[in-house]
Amino acid sequence: MELVPKLVDALLYAIPALITGLIAYYFFKEHTKNEDGRRRFLLQKDMQVKAMPLRLQAYERMVLFLERITPSKLMIRVKPTSSDKDSYESLLIANIEQEFEHNLSQQIYITDECWNIICAAKNATIQLIRKASLLEKTDSANKLREVVLTEMMEKRAPSDAALSYIKQEVSEMW
């Protein structure tokens, strides 16, 4: 019979201890969760600070690429080696592809949308050269240059839209 009062006493002592234990567990769990979140935030913030120069450098390199494949600048930089329009067309396209391959790794640092726009500008520039080469009046390398440059006076280069997009995206980084 004395067992029941001792059991009741033990329970009366154990209940506050259990409540205190549960509260302590809850607070330590929340504290640990908050500390993990704070550490993740600080790590992410630190990574952003370190990645910013790399991202800006990637955008700079892609701007340089787009400037170099602008048809008017490309035609000045890459001179025909012969009067054959087909060999000059191939030389121009190879030059664009080489520039592009040289900058492939930059896609890691820029957004997918921006990369797609840059690829579209590259492909549109290649198409422009191919279309100009297919015209009947284009019978030599110099005539190909003339046709492409004349077309660039009438409309914007494909790379201009991509350049505008890059400028907008970089301005949003601040």
C-alpha atoms as a PDB file:
ATOM      1  CA  MET A   1       0.000   0.000   0.000  1.00  0.00           C
ATOM      2  CA  GLU A   2       2.834   2.314   0.527  1.00  0.00           C
ATOM      3  CA  LEU A   3       3.875   1.632  -3.020  1.00  0.00           C
ATOM      4  CA  VAL A   4       1.084   3.749  -4.524  1.00  0.00           C
ATOM      5  CA  PRO A   5       1.965   6.977  -2.692  1.00  0.00           C
ATOM      6  CA  LYS A   6       5.642   6.485  -3.549  1.00  0.00           C
ATOM      7  CA  LEU A   7       4.698   5.966  -7.195  1.00  0.00           C
ATOM      8  CA  VAL A   8       2.535   9.107  -7.146  1.00  0.00           C
ATOM      9  CA  ASP A   9       5.395  11.057  -5.548  1.00  0.00           C
ATOM     10  CA  ALA A  10       7.810   9.787  -8.177  1.00  0.00           C
ATOM     11  CA  LEU A  11       5.407  10.823 -10.934  1.00  0.00           C
ATOM     12  CA  LEU A  12       4.979  14.259  -9.384  1.00  0.00           C
ATOM     13  CA  TYR A  13       8.756  14.680  -9.429  1.00  0.00           C
ATOM     14  CA  ALA A  14       9.133  13.193 -12.922  1.00  0.00           C
ATOM     15  CA  ILE A  15       6.467  15.295 -14.681  1.00  0.00           C
ATOM     16  CA  PRO A  16       8.231  18.655 -14.141  1.00  0.00           C
ATOM     17  CA  ALA A  17      11.537  17.046 -15.118  1.00  0.00           C
ATOM     18  CA  LEU A  18       9.953  15.657 -18.305  1.00  0.00           C
ATOM     19  CA  ILE A  19       8.365  19.029 -19.115  1.00  0.00           C
ATOM     20  CA  THR A  20      11.692  20.800 -18.505  1.00  0.00           C
ATOM     21  CA  GLY A  21      13.468  18.203 -20.646  1.00  0.00           C
ATOM     22  CA  LEU A  22      10.976  18.586 -23.510  1.00  0.00           C
ATOM     23  CA  ILE A  23      11.229  22.391 -23.389  1.00  0.00           C
ATOM     24  CA  ALA A  24      15.032  22.203 -23.378  1.00  0.00           C
ATOM     25  CA  TYR A  25      14.952  19.752 -26.302  1.00  0.00           C
ATOM     26  CA  TYR A  26      12.629  22.060 -28.257  1.00  0.00           C
ATOM     27  CA  PHE A  27      14.802  25.148 -27.610  1.00  0.00           C
ATOM     28  CA  PHE A  28      18.054  23.363 -28.485  1.00  0.00           C
ATOM     29  CA  LYS A  29      16.455  21.991 -31.648  1.00  0.00           C
ATOM     30  CA  GLU A  30      15.269  25.498 -32.685  1.00  0.00           C
ATOM     31  CA  HIS A  31      18.640  27.013 -31.772  1.00  0.00           C
ATOM     32  CA  THR A  32      20.492  24.431 -33.860  1.00  0.00           C
ATOM     33  CA  LYS A  33      18.112  24.997 -36.775  1.00  0.00           C
ATOM     34  CA  ASN A  34      18.617  28.780 -36.554  1.00  0.00           C
ATOM     35  CA  GLU A  35      22.400  28.400 -36.365  1.00  0.00           C
ATOM     36  CA  ASP A  36      22.406  26.138 -39.441  1.00  0.00           C
ATOM     37  CA  GLY A  37      20.285  28.685 -41.321  1.00  0.00           C
ATOM     38  CA  ARG A  38      22.598  31.513 -40.250  1.00  0.00           C
ATOM     39  CA  ARG A  39      25.687  29.566 -41.322  1.00  0.00           C
ATOM     40  CA  ARG A  40      24.101  28.752 -44.688  1.00  0.00           C
ATOM     41  CA  PHE A  41      23.161  32.411 -45.180  1.00  0.00           C
ATOM     42  CA  LEU A  42      26.684  33.606 -44.329  1.00  0.00           C
ATOM     43  CA  LEU A  43      28.224  30.975 -46.587  1.00  0.00           C
ATOM     44  CA  GLN A  44      25.912  31.898 -49.459  1.00  0.00           C
ATOM     45  CA  LYS A  45      26.643  35.591 -48.927  1.00  0.00           C
ATOM     46  CA  ASP A  46      30.382  34.894 -48.943  1.00  0.00           C
ATOM     47  CA  MET A  47      30.058  32.793 -52.108  1.00  0.00           C
ATOM     48  CA  GLN A  48      28.143  35.593 -53.839  1.00  0.00           C
ATOM     49  CA  VAL A  49      30.833  38.109 -52.945  1.00  0.00           C
ATOM     50  CA  LYS A  50      33.531  35.805 -54.319  1.00  0.00           C
ATOM     51  CA  ALA A  51      31.503  34.837 -57.418  1.00  0.00           C
ATOM     52  CA  MET A  52      30.570  38.403 -58.412  1.00  0.00           C
ATOM     53  CA  PRO A  53      33.938  39.194 -60.068  1.00  0.00           C
ATOM     54  CA  LEU A  54      33.806  35.886 -61.967  1.00  0.00           C
ATOM     55  CA  ARG A  55      30.284  36.594 -63.181  1.00  0.00           C
ATOM     56  CA  LEU A  56      31.196  40.106 -64.277  1.00  0.00           C
ATOM     57  CA  GLN A  57      34.245  38.768 -66.082  1.00  0.00           C
ATOM     58  CA  ALA A  58      32.042  36.226 -67.887  1.00  0.00           C
ATOM     59  CA  TYR A  59      29.675  38.976 -69.004  1.00  0.00           C
ATOM     60  CA  GLU A  60      32.644  41.057 -70.160  1.00  0.00           C
ATOM     61  CA  ARG A  61      33.986  38.157 -72.208  1.00  0.00           C
ATOM     62  CA  MET A  62      30.599  37.545 -73.787  1.00  0.00           C
ATOM     63  CA  VAL A  63      30.321  41.243 -74.689  1.00  0.00           C
ATOM     64  CA  LEU A  64      33.745  40.993 -76.311  1.00  0.00           C
ATOM     65  CA  PHE A  65      32.616  37.881 -78.197  1.00  0.00           C
ATOM     66  CA  LEU A  66      29.480  39.609 -79.463  1.00  0.00           C
ATOM     67  CA  GLU A  67      31.472  42.662 -80.522  1.00  0.00           C
ATOM     68  CA  ARG A  68      33.967  40.491 -82.373  1.00  0.00           C
ATOM     69  CA  ILE A  69      31.238  38.642 -84.319  1.00  0.00           C
ATOM     70  CA  THR A  70      29.389  41.814 -85.295  1.00  0.00           C
ATOM     71  CA  PRO A  71      29.545  41.476 -89.101  1.00  0.00           C
ATOM     72  CA  SER A  72      31.065  44.900 -89.755  1.00  0.00           C
ATOM     73  CA  LYS A  73      33.881  44.289 -87.245  1.00  0.00           C
ATOM     74  CA  LEU A  74      34.308  40.678 -88.305  1.00  0.00           C
ATOM     75  CA  MET A  75      34.723  41.654 -91.962  1.00  0.00           C
ATOM     76  CA  ILE A  76      37.382  44.221 -91.084  1.00  0.00           C
ATOM     77  CA  ARG A  77      39.302  41.813 -88.844  1.00  0.00           C
ATOM     78  CA  VAL A  78      39.048  38.709 -91.063  1.00  0.00           C
ATOM     79  CA  LYS A  79      40.246  39.495 -94.561  1.00  0.00           C
ATOM     80  CA  PRO A  80      39.659  37.100 -97.457  1.00  0.00           C
ATOM     81  CA  THR A  81      42.615  34.917 -98.374  1.00  0.00           C
ATOM     82  CA  SER A  82      41.412  34.550-101.962  1.00  0.00           C
ATOM     83  CA  SER A  83      38.617  35.855-104.170  1.00  0.00           C
ATOM     84  CA  ASP A  84      36.558  32.664-103.658  1.00  0.00           C
ATOM     85  CA  LYS A  85      33.357  33.558-101.789  1.00  0.00           C
ATOM     86  CA  ASP A  86      32.843  30.023-100.466  1.00  0.00           C
ATOM     87  CA  SER A  87      36.263  29.870 -98.833  1.00  0.00           C
ATOM     88  CA  TYR A  88      35.716  33.344 -97.327  1.00  0.00           C
ATOM     89  CA  GLU A  89      32.294  32.296 -96.036  1.00  0.00           C
ATOM     90  CA  SER A  90      33.880  29.227 -94.425  1.00  0.00           C
ATOM     91  CA  LEU A  91      36.675  31.345 -92.964  1.00  0.00           C
ATOM     92  CA  LEU A  92      34.189  33.784 -91.399  1.00  0.00           C
ATOM     93  CA  ILE A  93      32.023  31.023 -89.955  1.00  0.00           C
ATOM     94  CA  ALA A  94      35.065  29.139 -88.649  1.00  0.00           C
ATOM     95  CA  ASN A  95      36.235  32.347 -86.979  1.00  0.00           C
ATOM     96  CA  ILE A  96      32.841  32.815 -85.281  1.00  0.00           C
ATOM     97  CA  GLU A  97      32.769  29.183 -84.135  1.00  0.00           C
ATOM     98  CA  GLN A  98      36.326  29.408 -82.823  1.00  0.00           C
ATOM     99  CA  GLU A  99      35.502  32.554 -80.836  1.00  0.00           C
ATOM    100  CA  PHE A 100      32.402  30.847 -79.479  1.00  0.00           C
ATOM    101  CA  GLU A 101      34.239  27.675 -78.438  1.00  0.00           C
ATOM    102  CA  HIS A 102      36.871  29.797 -76.733  1.00  0.00           C
ATOM    103  CA  ASN A 103      34.131  31.241 -74.498  1.00  0.00           C
ATOM    104  CA  LEU A 104      32.027  28.122 -73.863  1.00  0.00           C
ATOM    105  CA  SER A 105      32.990  27.897 -70.208  1.00  0.00           C
ATOM    106  CA  GLN A 106      31.460  31.317 -69.499  1.00  0.00           C
ATOM    107  CA  GLN A 107      27.970  29.807 -69.582  1.00  0.00           C
ATOM    108  CA  ILE A 108      28.563  28.598 -66.014  1.00  0.00           C
ATOM    109  CA  TYR A 109      28.496  32.169 -64.723  1.00  0.00           C
ATOM    110  CA  ILE A 110      25.636  33.674 -66.738  1.00  0.00           C
ATOM    111  CA  THR A 111      21.932  32.889 -66.771  1.00  0.00           C
ATOM    112  CA  ASP A 112      20.502  30.284 -69.136  1.00  0.00           C
ATOM    113  CA  GLU A 113      18.319  32.889 -70.809  1.00  0.00           C
ATOM    114  CA  CYS A 114      21.301  35.132 -71.491  1.00  0.00           C
ATOM    115  CA  TRP A 115      23.322  32.204 -72.849  1.00  0.00           C
ATOM    116  CA  ASN A 116      20.459  31.240 -75.175  1.00  0.00           C
ATOM    117  CA  ILE A 117      20.247  34.803 -76.489  1.00  0.00           C
ATOM    118  CA  ILE A 118      24.007  34.829 -77.137  1.00  0.00           C
ATOM    119  CA  CYS A 119      23.754  31.506 -79.002  1.00  0.00           C
ATOM    120  CA  ALA A 120      20.850  32.872 -81.047  1.00  0.00           C
ATOM    121  CA  ALA A 121      22.915  35.960 -81.964  1.00  0.00           C
ATOM    122  CA  LYS A 122      25.807  33.747 -83.045  1.00  0.00           C
ATOM    123  CA  ASN A 123      23.540  31.550 -85.173  1.00  0.00           C
ATOM    124  CA  ALA A 124      21.787  34.565 -86.693  1.00  0.00           C
ATOM    125  CA  THR A 125      25.146  36.069 -87.672  1.00  0.00           C
ATOM    126  CA  ILE A 126      26.174  32.812 -89.347  1.00  0.00           C
ATOM    127  CA  GLN A 127      22.819  32.691 -91.169  1.00  0.00           C
ATOM    128  CA  LEU A 128      23.289  36.261 -92.343  1.00  0.00           C
ATOM    129  CA  ILE A 129      26.659  35.375 -93.878  1.00  0.00           C
ATOM    130  CA  ARG A 130      25.290  32.202 -95.487  1.00  0.00           C
ATOM    131  CA  LYS A 131      22.291  34.027 -96.982  1.00  0.00           C
ATOM    132  CA  ALA A 132      24.517  36.756 -98.390  1.00  0.00           C
ATOM    133  CA  SER A 133      26.748  34.117 -99.955  1.00  0.00           C
ATOM    134  CA  LEU A 134      23.776  32.440-101.654  1.00  0.00           C
ATOM    135  CA  LEU A 135      22.682  35.604-103.482  1.00  0.00           C
ATOM    136  CA  GLU A 136      23.297  35.605-107.217  1.00  0.00           C
ATOM    137  CA  LYS A 137      25.039  38.962-107.145  1.00  0.00           C
ATOM    138  CA  THR A 138      27.575  37.573-104.670  1.00  0.00           C
ATOM    139  CA  ASP A 139      30.261  36.153-106.931  1.00  0.00           C
ATOM    140  CA  SER A 140      33.470  36.903-105.012  1.00  0.00           C
ATOM    141  CA  ALA A 141      34.787  37.315-101.500  1.00  0.00           C
ATOM    142  CA  ASN A 142      34.852  41.098-101.823  1.00  0.00           C
ATOM    143  CA  LYS A 143      31.269  41.121-103.092  1.00  0.00           C
ATOM    144  CA  LEU A 144      30.272  38.997-100.078  1.00  0.00           C
ATOM    145  CA  ARG A 145      31.843  41.599 -97.778  1.00  0.00           C
ATOM    146  CA  GLU A 146      30.029  44.356 -99.644  1.00  0.00           C
ATOM    147  CA  VAL A 147      26.643  42.623 -99.449  1.00  0.00           C
ATOM    148  CA  VAL A 148      26.947  41.862 -95.723  1.00  0.00           C
ATOM    149  CA  LEU A 149      28.151  45.378 -94.875  1.00  0.00           C
ATOM    150  CA  THR A 150      25.348  46.934 -96.943  1.00  0.00           C
ATOM    151  CA  GLU A 151      22.800  44.819 -95.118  1.00  0.00           C
ATOM    152  CA  MET A 152      24.267  45.941 -91.773  1.00  0.00           C
ATOM    153  CA  MET A 153      23.655  49.573 -92.765  1.00  0.00           C
ATOM    154  CA  GLU A 154      19.986  48.799 -93.315  1.00  0.00           C
ATOM    155  CA  LYS A 155      19.355  46.836 -90.115  1.00  0.00           C
ATOM    156  CA  ARG A 156      20.891  46.112 -86.737  1.00  0.00           C
ATOM    157  CA  ALA A 157      23.427  43.354 -86.239  1.00  0.00           C
ATOM    158  CA  PRO A 158      22.097  40.199 -84.553  1.00  0.00           C
ATOM    159  CA  SER A 159      24.559  40.709 -81.715  1.00  0.00           C
ATOM    160  CA  ASP A 160      23.080  44.131 -80.811  1.00  0.00           C
ATOM    161  CA  ALA A 161      20.017  42.591 -79.138  1.00  0.00           C
ATOM    162  CA  ALA A 162      22.213  40.216 -77.142  1.00  0.00           C
ATOM    163  CA  LEU A 163      24.444  43.112 -76.068  1.00  0.00           C
ATOM    164  CA  SER A 164      21.411  45.028 -74.853  1.00  0.00           C
ATOM    165  CA  TYR A 165      20.224  42.002 -72.907  1.00  0.00           C
ATOM    166  CA  ILE A 166      23.627  41.560 -71.235  1.00  0.00           C
ATOM    167  CA  LYS A 167      23.707  45.227 -70.229  1.00  0.00           C
ATOM    168  CA  GLN A 168      20.240  44.910 -68.709  1.00  0.00           C
ATOM    169  CA  GLU A 169      21.124  41.731 -66.838  1.00  0.00           C
ATOM    170  CA  VAL A 170      24.337  43.185 -65.430  1.00  0.00           C
ATOM    171  CA  SER A 171      22.529  46.341 -64.306  1.00  0.00           C
ATOM    172  CA  GLU A 172      20.107  44.146 -62.339  1.00  0.00           C
ATOM    173  CA  MET A 173      23.010  42.606 -60.395  1.00  0.00           C
ATOM    174  CA  TRP A 174      23.454  45.774 -58.358  1.00  0.00           C
END
